Amino acid sequence: LFGIGGGFLAIPVLVLFFKVPQGKAAGTSLAIIAINSITAFFGHYQNWSEVTWTVPITMSIGAVIVARFASIKSGQMNPTILRKGFALLLYSIAAFTLLETWIIA
């Protein structure tokens, strides 16, 4: 549905309904996304010859580097600001998805 297995939906559910701290909810969401990604990766092994491997390798290296700095920075941020920023991100994604659906339909 969303292309990432709904892992980002886990964060508001965990925070709002189960009172899990924002950081732990984000980590849990990443674990969900990682499991879905690994499953998809091996599920499409017949297409591996078509992949330009420099692209995913470069993106993965960049993601690891950025994730390290982001984890440090998010630990220094006010949790309320972090929560509001994430809510804004989710609303933006929802609005984009709705607009894209209406334009295509």
PDB file of N, CA and C in Angstrom:
ATOM      1  N   LEU A   1       0.830  -1.203   0.000  1.00  0.00           N
ATOM      2  CA  LEU A   1       0.000   0.000   0.000  1.00  0.00           C
ATOM      3  C   LEU A   1       0.868   1.258   0.000  1.00  0.00           C
ATOM      4  N   PHE A   2       1.845   1.345   0.896  1.00  0.00           N
ATOM      5  CA  PHE A   2       2.673   2.539   0.994  1.00  0.00           C
ATOM      6  C   PHE A   2       4.085   2.325   0.464  1.00  0.00           C
ATOM      7  N   GLY A   3       4.418   1.111   0.110  1.00  0.00           N
ATOM      8  CA  GLY A   3       5.726   0.842  -0.445  1.00  0.00           C
ATOM      9  C   GLY A   3       6.792   0.511   0.583  1.00  0.00           C
ATOM     10  N   ILE A   4       6.473   0.634   1.859  1.00  0.00           N
ATOM     11  CA  ILE A   4       7.451   0.286   2.896  1.00  0.00           C
ATOM     12  C   ILE A   4       6.849  -0.679   3.910  1.00  0.00           C
ATOM     13  N   GLY A   5       5.781  -1.318   3.545  1.00  0.00           N
ATOM     14  CA  GLY A   5       5.188  -2.304   4.426  1.00  0.00           C
ATOM     15  C   GLY A   5       4.470  -1.718   5.625  1.00  0.00           C
ATOM     16  N   GLY A   6       4.194  -0.443   5.615  1.00  0.00           N
ATOM     17  CA  GLY A   6       3.465   0.172   6.714  1.00  0.00           C
ATOM     18  C   GLY A   6       4.288   0.386   7.971  1.00  0.00           C
ATOM     19  N   GLY A   7       5.604   0.262   7.873  1.00  0.00           N
ATOM     20  CA  GLY A   7       6.456   0.424   9.045  1.00  0.00           C
ATOM     21  C   GLY A   7       6.326   1.785   9.700  1.00  0.00           C
ATOM     22  N   PHE A   8       6.112   2.825   8.887  1.00  0.00           N
ATOM     23  CA  PHE A   8       5.989   4.158   9.484  1.00  0.00           C
ATOM     24  C   PHE A   8       4.660   4.332  10.205  1.00  0.00           C
ATOM     25  N   LEU A   9       3.681   3.490   9.910  1.00  0.00           N
ATOM     26  CA  LEU A   9       2.411   3.548  10.631  1.00  0.00           C
ATOM     27  C   LEU A   9       2.556   3.014  12.053  1.00  0.00           C
ATOM     28  N   ALA A  10       3.582   2.205  12.275  1.00  0.00           N
ATOM     29  CA  ALA A  10       3.798   1.641  13.605  1.00  0.00           C
ATOM     30  C   ALA A  10       4.134   2.717  14.625  1.00  0.00           C
ATOM     31  N   ILE A  11       4.808   3.768  14.207  1.00  0.00           N
ATOM     32  CA  ILE A  11       5.247   4.795  15.159  1.00  0.00           C
ATOM     33  C   ILE A  11       4.065   5.479  15.844  1.00  0.00           C
ATOM     34  N   PRO A  12       3.110   6.058  15.102  1.00  0.00           N
ATOM     35  CA  PRO A  12       2.000   6.690  15.819  1.00  0.00           C
ATOM     36  C   PRO A  12       1.163   5.698  16.621  1.00  0.00           C
ATOM     37  N   VAL A  13       1.017   4.477  16.132  1.00  0.00           N
ATOM     38  CA  VAL A  13       0.251   3.473  16.878  1.00  0.00           C
ATOM     39  C   VAL A  13       0.953   3.146  18.192  1.00  0.00           C
ATOM     40  N   LEU A  14       2.251   2.910  18.133  1.00  0.00           N
ATOM     41  CA  LEU A  14       2.995   2.588  19.351  1.00  0.00           C
ATOM     42  C   LEU A  14       3.021   3.756  20.334  1.00  0.00           C
ATOM     43  N   VAL A  15       3.208   4.964  19.824  1.00  0.00           N
ATOM     44  CA  VAL A  15       3.296   6.138  20.701  1.00  0.00           C
ATOM     45  C   VAL A  15       1.935   6.489  21.300  1.00  0.00           C
ATOM     46  N   LEU A  16       0.909   6.540  20.464  1.00  0.00           N
ATOM     47  CA  LEU A  16      -0.402   6.995  20.933  1.00  0.00           C
ATOM     48  C   LEU A  16      -1.165   5.942  21.735  1.00  0.00           C
ATOM     49  N   PHE A  17      -1.145   4.707  21.274  1.00  0.00           N
ATOM     50  CA  PHE A  17      -1.979   3.685  21.904  1.00  0.00           C
ATOM     51  C   PHE A  17      -1.247   2.848  22.947  1.00  0.00           C
ATOM     52  N   PHE A  18       0.049   2.658  22.768  1.00  0.00           N
ATOM     53  CA  PHE A  18       0.796   1.808  23.688  1.00  0.00           C
ATOM     54  C   PHE A  18       1.790   2.589  24.547  1.00  0.00           C
ATOM     55  N   LYS A  19       1.823   3.909  24.372  1.00  0.00           N
ATOM     56  CA  LYS A  19       2.656   4.807  25.180  1.00  0.00           C
ATOM     57  C   LYS A  19       4.145   4.437  25.143  1.00  0.00           C
ATOM     58  N   VAL A  20       4.604   3.952  23.997  1.00  0.00           N
ATOM     59  CA  VAL A  20       6.019   3.637  23.804  1.00  0.00           C
ATOM     60  C   VAL A  20       6.745   4.947  23.511  1.00  0.00           C
ATOM     61  N   PRO A  21       7.919   5.185  24.097  1.00  0.00           N
ATOM     62  CA  PRO A  21       8.664   6.413  23.786  1.00  0.00           C
ATOM     63  C   PRO A  21       8.966   6.522  22.287  1.00  0.00           C
ATOM     64  N   GLN A  22       9.022   7.750  21.808  1.00  0.00           N
ATOM     65  CA  GLN A  22       9.208   8.023  20.377  1.00  0.00           C
ATOM     66  C   GLN A  22      10.426   7.302  19.803  1.00  0.00           C
ATOM     67  N   GLY A  23      11.543   7.326  20.505  1.00  0.00           N
ATOM     68  CA  GLY A  23      12.765   6.693  20.010  1.00  0.00           C
ATOM     69  C   GLY A  23      12.628   5.184  19.860  1.00  0.00           C
ATOM     70  N   LYS A  24      12.025   4.540  20.857  1.00  0.00           N
ATOM     71  CA  LYS A  24      11.828   3.090  20.773  1.00  0.00           C
ATOM     72  C   LYS A  24      10.829   2.741  19.681  1.00  0.00           C
ATOM     73  N   ALA A  25       9.817   3.572  19.510  1.00  0.00           N
ATOM     74  CA  ALA A  25       8.840   3.336  18.447  1.00  0.00           C
ATOM     75  C   ALA A  25       9.504   3.447  17.079  1.00  0.00           C
ATOM     76  N   ALA A  26      10.395   4.414  16.926  1.00  0.00           N
ATOM     77  CA  ALA A  26      11.110   4.572  15.653  1.00  0.00           C
ATOM     78  C   ALA A  26      12.003   3.367  15.391  1.00  0.00           C
ATOM     79  N   GLY A  27      12.673   2.883  16.418  1.00  0.00           N
ATOM     80  CA  GLY A  27      13.510   1.693  16.266  1.00  0.00           C
ATOM     81  C   GLY A  27      12.698   0.466  15.893  1.00  0.00           C
ATOM     82  N   THR A  28      11.548   0.311  16.518  1.00  0.00           N
ATOM     83  CA  THR A  28      10.660  -0.806  16.194  1.00  0.00           C
ATOM     84  C   THR A  28      10.173  -0.704  14.761  1.00  0.00           C
ATOM     85  N   SER A  29       9.834   0.503  14.345  1.00  0.00           N
ATOM     86  CA  SER A  29       9.398   0.728  12.970  1.00  0.00           C
ATOM     87  C   SER A  29      10.497   0.361  11.983  1.00  0.00           C
ATOM     88  N   LEU A  30      11.724   0.741  12.291  1.00  0.00           N
ATOM     89  CA  LEU A  30      12.847   0.399  11.416  1.00  0.00           C
ATOM     90  C   LEU A  30      13.050  -1.109  11.337  1.00  0.00           C
ATOM     91  N   ALA A  31      12.826  -1.798  12.445  1.00  0.00           N
ATOM     92  CA  ALA A  31      12.942  -3.260  12.427  1.00  0.00           C
ATOM     93  C   ALA A  31      11.877  -3.868  11.516  1.00  0.00           C
ATOM     94  N   ILE A  32      10.661  -3.342  11.575  1.00  0.00           N
ATOM     95  CA  ILE A  32       9.582  -3.815  10.702  1.00  0.00           C
ATOM     96  C   ILE A  32       9.948  -3.581   9.241  1.00  0.00           C
ATOM     97  N   ILE A  33      10.428  -2.391   8.944  1.00  0.00           N
ATOM     98  CA  ILE A  33      10.813  -2.057   7.569  1.00  0.00           C
ATOM     99  C   ILE A  33      11.968  -2.945   7.110  1.00  0.00           C
ATOM    100  N   ALA A  34      12.938  -3.187   7.995  1.00  0.00           N
ATOM    101  CA  ALA A  34      14.083  -4.030   7.629  1.00  0.00           C
ATOM    102  C   ALA A  34      13.641  -5.452   7.300  1.00  0.00           C
ATOM    103  N   ILE A  35      12.754  -6.006   8.105  1.00  0.00           N
ATOM    104  CA  ILE A  35      12.259  -7.363   7.844  1.00  0.00           C
ATOM    105  C   ILE A  35      11.537  -7.418   6.503  1.00  0.00           C
ATOM    106  N   ASN A  36      10.677  -6.441   6.235  1.00  0.00           N
ATOM    107  CA  ASN A  36       9.975  -6.399   4.946  1.00  0.00           C
ATOM    108  C   ASN A  36      10.950  -6.249   3.785  1.00  0.00           C
ATOM    109  N   SER A  37      11.958  -5.414   3.966  1.00  0.00           N
ATOM    110  CA  SER A  37      12.936  -5.181   2.899  1.00  0.00           C
ATOM    111  C   SER A  37      13.772  -6.418   2.612  1.00  0.00           C
ATOM    112  N   ILE A  38      14.207  -7.091   3.658  1.00  0.00           N
ATOM    113  CA  ILE A  38      15.007  -8.308   3.472  1.00  0.00           C
ATOM    114  C   ILE A  38      14.182  -9.386   2.784  1.00  0.00           C
ATOM    115  N   THR A  39      12.932  -9.527   3.198  1.00  0.00           N
ATOM    116  CA  THR A  39      12.049 -10.506   2.565  1.00  0.00           C
ATOM    117  C   THR A  39      11.864 -10.191   1.088  1.00  0.00           C
ATOM    118  N   ALA A  40      11.614  -8.937   0.769  1.00  0.00           N
ATOM    119  CA  ALA A  40      11.442  -8.538  -0.637  1.00  0.00           C
ATOM    120  C   ALA A  40      12.734  -8.722  -1.425  1.00  0.00           C
ATOM    121  N   PHE A  41      13.858  -8.396  -0.797  1.00  0.00           N
ATOM    122  CA  PHE A  41      15.159  -8.529  -1.453  1.00  0.00           C
ATOM    123  C   PHE A  41      15.384  -9.963  -1.923  1.00  0.00           C
ATOM    124  N   PHE A  42      15.170 -10.908  -1.035  1.00  0.00           N
ATOM    125  CA  PHE A  42      15.387 -12.307  -1.411  1.00  0.00           C
ATOM    126  C   PHE A  42      14.230 -12.868  -2.235  1.00  0.00           C
ATOM    127  N   GLY A  43      13.064 -12.269  -2.128  1.00  0.00           N
ATOM    128  CA  GLY A  43      11.926 -12.712  -2.927  1.00  0.00           C
ATOM    129  C   GLY A  43      12.061 -12.382  -4.404  1.00  0.00           C
ATOM    130  N   HIS A  44      12.912 -11.435  -4.724  1.00  0.00           N
ATOM    131  CA  HIS A  44      13.095 -11.013  -6.116  1.00  0.00           C
ATOM    132  C   HIS A  44      14.467 -11.409  -6.651  1.00  0.00           C
ATOM    133  N   TYR A  45      15.006 -12.499  -6.153  1.00  0.00           N
ATOM    134  CA  TYR A  45      16.360 -12.905  -6.560  1.00  0.00           C
ATOM    135  C   TYR A  45      16.480 -13.163  -8.053  1.00  0.00           C
ATOM    136  N   GLN A  46      15.396 -13.547  -8.713  1.00  0.00           N
ATOM    137  CA  GLN A  46      15.473 -13.824 -10.151  1.00  0.00           C
ATOM    138  C   GLN A  46      15.765 -12.563 -10.965  1.00  0.00           C
ATOM    139  N   ASN A  47      15.558 -11.399 -10.392  1.00  0.00           N
ATOM    140  CA  ASN A  47      15.805 -10.137 -11.096  1.00  0.00           C
ATOM    141  C   ASN A  47      17.136  -9.489 -10.717  1.00  0.00           C
ATOM    142  N   TRP A  48      17.957 -10.150  -9.931  1.00  0.00           N
ATOM    143  CA  TRP A  48      19.204  -9.552  -9.457  1.00  0.00           C
ATOM    144  C   TRP A  48      20.123  -9.149 -10.596  1.00  0.00           C
ATOM    145  N   SER A  49      20.071  -9.863 -11.698  1.00  0.00           N
ATOM    146  CA  SER A  49      20.969  -9.534 -12.814  1.00  0.00           C
ATOM    147  C   SER A  49      20.607  -8.197 -13.457  1.00  0.00           C
ATOM    148  N   GLU A  50      19.390  -7.718 -13.223  1.00  0.00           N
ATOM    149  CA  GLU A  50      18.935  -6.456 -13.812  1.00  0.00           C
ATOM    150  C   GLU A  50      19.253  -5.242 -12.945  1.00  0.00           C
ATOM    151  N   VAL A  51      19.739  -5.481 -11.743  1.00  0.00           N
ATOM    152  CA  VAL A  51      19.989  -4.388 -10.797  1.00  0.00           C
ATOM    153  C   VAL A  51      21.352  -3.756 -11.066  1.00  0.00           C
ATOM    154  N   THR A  52      21.371  -2.433 -11.124  1.00  0.00           N
ATOM    155  CA  THR A  52      22.630  -1.693 -11.177  1.00  0.00           C
ATOM    156  C   THR A  52      23.076  -1.537  -9.726  1.00  0.00           C
ATOM    157  N   TRP A  53      23.967  -2.399  -9.274  1.00  0.00           N
ATOM    158  CA  TRP A  53      24.285  -2.526  -7.857  1.00  0.00           C
ATOM    159  C   TRP A  53      24.954  -1.299  -7.255  1.00  0.00           C
ATOM    160  N   THR A  54      25.536  -0.436  -8.072  1.00  0.00           N
ATOM    161  CA  THR A  54      26.164   0.759  -7.503  1.00  0.00           C
ATOM    162  C   THR A  54      25.129   1.672  -6.851  1.00  0.00           C
ATOM    163  N   VAL A  55      23.911   1.671  -7.367  1.00  0.00           N
ATOM    164  CA  VAL A  55      22.867   2.543  -6.805  1.00  0.00           C
ATOM    165  C   VAL A  55      22.463   2.092  -5.399  1.00  0.00           C
ATOM    166  N   PRO A  56      22.008   0.851  -5.183  1.00  0.00           N
ATOM    167  CA  PRO A  56      21.626   0.476  -3.813  1.00  0.00           C
ATOM    168  C   PRO A  56      22.794   0.459  -2.832  1.00  0.00           C
ATOM    169  N   ILE A  57      23.989   0.131  -3.315  1.00  0.00           N
ATOM    170  CA  ILE A  57      25.146   0.131  -2.415  1.00  0.00           C
ATOM    171  C   ILE A  57      25.464   1.551  -1.961  1.00  0.00           C
ATOM    172  N   THR A  58      25.452   2.497  -2.894  1.00  0.00           N
ATOM    173  CA  THR A  58      25.707   3.900  -2.553  1.00  0.00           C
ATOM    174  C   THR A  58      24.638   4.434  -1.605  1.00  0.00           C
ATOM    175  N   MET A  59      23.377   4.115  -1.892  1.00  0.00           N
ATOM    176  CA  MET A  59      22.288   4.567  -1.025  1.00  0.00           C
ATOM    177  C   MET A  59      22.408   3.959   0.372  1.00  0.00           C
ATOM    178  N   SER A  60      22.791   2.698   0.455  1.00  0.00           N
ATOM    179  CA  SER A  60      22.929   2.033   1.751  1.00  0.00           C
ATOM    180  C   SER A  60      24.045   2.650   2.579  1.00  0.00           C
ATOM    181  N   ILE A  61      25.168   2.919   1.952  1.00  0.00           N
ATOM    182  CA  ILE A  61      26.282   3.555   2.667  1.00  0.00           C
ATOM    183  C   ILE A  61      25.861   4.937   3.168  1.00  0.00           C
ATOM    184  N   GLY A  62      25.203   5.709   2.310  1.00  0.00           N
ATOM    185  CA  GLY A  62      24.715   7.027   2.709  1.00  0.00           C
ATOM    186  C   GLY A  62      23.707   6.943   3.839  1.00  0.00           C
ATOM    187  N   ALA A  63      22.813   5.957   3.776  1.00  0.00           N
ATOM    188  CA  ALA A  63      21.796   5.798   4.818  1.00  0.00           C
ATOM    189  C   ALA A  63      22.423   5.464   6.164  1.00  0.00           C
ATOM    190  N   VAL A  64      23.436   4.624   6.167  1.00  0.00           N
ATOM    191  CA  VAL A  64      24.109   4.262   7.418  1.00  0.00           C
ATOM    192  C   VAL A  64      24.791   5.482   8.028  1.00  0.00           C
ATOM    193  N   ILE A  65      25.454   6.269   7.200  1.00  0.00           N
ATOM    194  CA  ILE A  65      26.143   7.469   7.692  1.00  0.00           C
ATOM    195  C   ILE A  65      25.141   8.482   8.239  1.00  0.00           C
ATOM    196  N   VAL A  66      24.096   8.758   7.481  1.00  0.00           N
ATOM    197  CA  VAL A  66      23.084   9.730   7.913  1.00  0.00           C
ATOM    198  C   VAL A  66      22.351   9.232   9.156  1.00  0.00           C
ATOM    199  N   ALA A  67      22.070   7.932   9.225  1.00  0.00           N
ATOM    200  CA  ALA A  67      21.365   7.379  10.386  1.00  0.00           C
ATOM    201  C   ALA A  67      22.168   7.578  11.665  1.00  0.00           C
ATOM    202  N   ARG A  68      23.460   7.444  11.563  1.00  0.00           N
ATOM    203  CA  ARG A  68      24.310   7.633  12.745  1.00  0.00           C
ATOM    204  C   ARG A  68      24.201   9.068  13.267  1.00  0.00           C
ATOM    205  N   PHE A  69      24.330  10.035  12.375  1.00  0.00           N
ATOM    206  CA  PHE A  69      24.221  11.435  12.788  1.00  0.00           C
ATOM    207  C   PHE A  69      22.800  11.782  13.234  1.00  0.00           C
ATOM    208  N   ALA A  70      21.807  11.235  12.551  1.00  0.00           N
ATOM    209  CA  ALA A  70      20.415  11.518  12.910  1.00  0.00           C
ATOM    210  C   ALA A  70      20.076  10.956  14.287  1.00  0.00           C
ATOM    211  N   SER A  71      20.607   9.782  14.616  1.00  0.00           N
ATOM    212  CA  SER A  71      20.322   9.210  15.934  1.00  0.00           C
ATOM    213  C   SER A  71      20.933  10.057  17.042  1.00  0.00           C
ATOM    214  N   ILE A  72      22.109  10.592  16.798  1.00  0.00           N
ATOM    215  CA  ILE A  72      22.740  11.473  17.787  1.00  0.00           C
ATOM    216  C   ILE A  72      21.924  12.752  17.940  1.00  0.00           C
ATOM    217  N   LYS A  73      21.567  13.354  16.815  1.00  0.00           N
ATOM    218  CA  LYS A  73      20.831  14.623  16.837  1.00  0.00           C
ATOM    219  C   LYS A  73      19.443  14.457  17.451  1.00  0.00           C
ATOM    220  N   SER A  74      18.756  13.361  17.116  1.00  0.00           N
ATOM    221  CA  SER A  74      17.405  13.173  17.652  1.00  0.00           C
ATOM    222  C   SER A  74      17.433  12.963  19.162  1.00  0.00           C
ATOM    223  N   GLY A  75      18.523  12.396  19.676  1.00  0.00           N
ATOM    224  CA  GLY A  75      18.660  12.236  21.118  1.00  0.00           C
ATOM    225  C   GLY A  75      18.846  13.557  21.836  1.00  0.00           C
ATOM    226  N   GLN A  76      19.297  14.578  21.116  1.00  0.00           N
ATOM    227  CA  GLN A  76      19.516  15.901  21.695  1.00  0.00           C
ATOM    228  C   GLN A  76      18.299  16.809  21.544  1.00  0.00           C
ATOM    229  N   MET A  77      17.328  16.373  20.747  1.00  0.00           N
ATOM    230  CA  MET A  77      16.165  17.225  20.474  1.00  0.00           C
ATOM    231  C   MET A  77      15.105  17.089  21.557  1.00  0.00           C
ATOM    232  N   ASN A  78      14.309  18.126  21.680  1.00  0.00           N
ATOM    233  CA  ASN A  78      13.159  18.113  22.566  1.00  0.00           C
ATOM    234  C   ASN A  78      12.152  17.091  22.016  1.00  0.00           C
ATOM    235  N   PRO A  79      11.710  16.112  22.827  1.00  0.00           N
ATOM    236  CA  PRO A  79      10.786  15.088  22.333  1.00  0.00           C
ATOM    237  C   PRO A  79       9.479  15.653  21.769  1.00  0.00           C
ATOM    238  N   THR A  80       9.009  16.759  22.328  1.00  0.00           N
ATOM    239  CA  THR A  80       7.777  17.366  21.822  1.00  0.00           C
ATOM    240  C   THR A  80       7.974  17.891  20.407  1.00  0.00           C
ATOM    241  N   ILE A  81       9.094  18.543  20.162  1.00  0.00           N
ATOM    242  CA  ILE A  81       9.386  19.057  18.818  1.00  0.00           C
ATOM    243  C   ILE A  81       9.554  17.896  17.843  1.00  0.00           C
ATOM    244  N   LEU A  82      10.228  16.851  18.288  1.00  0.00           N
ATOM    245  CA  LEU A  82      10.418  15.671  17.449  1.00  0.00           C
ATOM    246  C   LEU A  82       9.071  15.038  17.096  1.00  0.00           C
ATOM    247  N   ARG A  83       8.199  14.912  18.062  1.00  0.00           N
ATOM    248  CA  ARG A  83       6.870  14.330  17.848  1.00  0.00           C
ATOM    249  C   ARG A  83       6.046  15.186  16.890  1.00  0.00           C
ATOM    250  N   LYS A  84       6.085  16.504  17.073  1.00  0.00           N
ATOM    251  CA  LYS A  84       5.329  17.397  16.184  1.00  0.00           C
ATOM    252  C   LYS A  84       5.895  17.380  14.768  1.00  0.00           C
ATOM    253  N   GLY A  85       7.206  17.311  14.655  1.00  0.00           N
ATOM    254  CA  GLY A  85       7.824  17.222  13.333  1.00  0.00           C
ATOM    255  C   GLY A  85       7.435  15.943  12.618  1.00  0.00           C
ATOM    256  N   PHE A  86       7.394  14.846  13.362  1.00  0.00           N
ATOM    257  CA  PHE A  86       6.988  13.579  12.759  1.00  0.00           C
ATOM    258  C   PHE A  86       5.519  13.618  12.354  1.00  0.00           C
ATOM    259  N   ALA A  87       4.684  14.232  13.183  1.00  0.00           N
ATOM    260  CA  ALA A  87       3.265  14.371  12.831  1.00  0.00           C
ATOM    261  C   ALA A  87       3.109  15.183  11.551  1.00  0.00           C
ATOM    262  N   LEU A  88       3.876  16.253  11.425  1.00  0.00           N
ATOM    263  CA  LEU A  88       3.838  17.067  10.209  1.00  0.00           C
ATOM    264  C   LEU A  88       4.263  16.242   8.995  1.00  0.00           C
ATOM    265  N   LEU A  89       5.294  15.431   9.166  1.00  0.00           N
ATOM    266  CA  LEU A  89       5.742  14.559   8.082  1.00  0.00           C
ATOM    267  C   LEU A  89       4.635  13.592   7.668  1.00  0.00           C
ATOM    268  N   LEU A  90       3.964  12.972   8.641  1.00  0.00           N
ATOM    269  CA  LEU A  90       2.882  12.036   8.318  1.00  0.00           C
ATOM    270  C   LEU A  90       1.717  12.728   7.620  1.00  0.00           C
ATOM    271  N   TYR A  91       1.349  13.917   8.092  1.00  0.00           N
ATOM    272  CA  TYR A  91       0.273  14.662   7.423  1.00  0.00           C
ATOM    273  C   TYR A  91       0.666  15.018   5.992  1.00  0.00           C
ATOM    274  N   SER A  92       1.912  15.381   5.799  1.00  0.00           N
ATOM    275  CA  SER A  92       2.386  15.719   4.451  1.00  0.00           C
ATOM    276  C   SER A  92       2.331  14.507   3.527  1.00  0.00           C
ATOM    277  N   ILE A  93       2.755  13.357   4.030  1.00  0.00           N
ATOM    278  CA  ILE A  93       2.699  12.131   3.232  1.00  0.00           C
ATOM    279  C   ILE A  93       1.253  11.774   2.907  1.00  0.00           C
ATOM    280  N   ALA A  94       0.366  11.906   3.887  1.00  0.00           N
ATOM    281  CA  ALA A  94      -1.048  11.604   3.654  1.00  0.00           C
ATOM    282  C   ALA A  94      -1.640  12.538   2.607  1.00  0.00           C
ATOM    283  N   ALA A  95      -1.339  13.820   2.708  1.00  0.00           N
ATOM    284  CA  ALA A  95      -1.858  14.793   1.736  1.00  0.00           C
ATOM    285  C   ALA A  95      -1.321  14.498   0.344  1.00  0.00           C
ATOM    286  N   PHE A  96      -0.036  14.204   0.250  1.00  0.00           N
ATOM    287  CA  PHE A  96       0.562  13.883  -1.046  1.00  0.00           C
ATOM    288  C   PHE A  96      -0.082  12.635  -1.648  1.00  0.00           C
ATOM    289  N   THR A  97      -0.290  11.619  -0.815  1.00  0.00           N
ATOM    290  CA  THR A  97      -0.898  10.375  -1.291  1.00  0.00           C
ATOM    291  C   THR A  97      -2.320  10.615  -1.786  1.00  0.00           C
ATOM    292  N   LEU A  98      -3.086  11.400  -1.045  1.00  0.00           N
ATOM    293  CA  LEU A  98      -4.455  11.705  -1.477  1.00  0.00           C
ATOM    294  C   LEU A  98      -4.468  12.499  -2.778  1.00  0.00           C
ATOM    295  N   LEU A  99      -3.631  13.512  -2.862  1.00  0.00           N
ATOM    296  CA  LEU A  99      -3.573  14.308  -4.091  1.00  0.00           C
ATOM    297  C   LEU A  99      -3.130  13.468  -5.279  1.00  0.00           C
ATOM    298  N   GLU A 100      -2.138  12.640  -5.061  1.00  0.00           N
ATOM    299  CA  GLU A 100      -1.650  11.779  -6.137  1.00  0.00           C
ATOM    300  C   GLU A 100      -2.742  10.813  -6.595  1.00  0.00           C
ATOM    301  N   THR A 101      -3.506  10.292  -5.653  1.00  0.00           N
ATOM    302  CA  THR A 101      -4.601   9.379  -5.992  1.00  0.00           C
ATOM    303  C   THR A 101      -5.676  10.101  -6.787  1.00  0.00           C
ATOM    304  N   TRP A 102      -6.018  11.313  -6.387  1.00  0.00           N
ATOM    305  CA  TRP A 102      -7.062  12.059  -7.090  1.00  0.00           C
ATOM    306  C   TRP A 102      -6.606  12.497  -8.472  1.00  0.00           C
ATOM    307  N   ILE A 103      -5.341  12.837  -8.611  1.00  0.00           N
ATOM    308  CA  ILE A 103      -4.832  13.275  -9.914  1.00  0.00           C
ATOM    309  C   ILE A 103      -4.775  12.099 -10.876  1.00  0.00           C
ATOM    310  N   ILE A 104      -4.339  10.944 -10.394  1.00  0.00           N
ATOM    311  CA  ILE A 104      -4.245   9.762 -11.250  1.00  0.00           C
ATOM    312  C   ILE A 104      -5.631   9.230 -11.590  1.00  0.00           C
ATOM    313  N   ALA A 105      -6.543   9.278 -10.635  1.00  0.00           N
ATOM    314  CA  ALA A 105      -7.887   8.701 -10.838  1.00  0.00           C
ATOM    315  C   ALA A 105      -8.734   9.502 -11.753  1.00  0.00           C
TER     316      ALA A 105
END
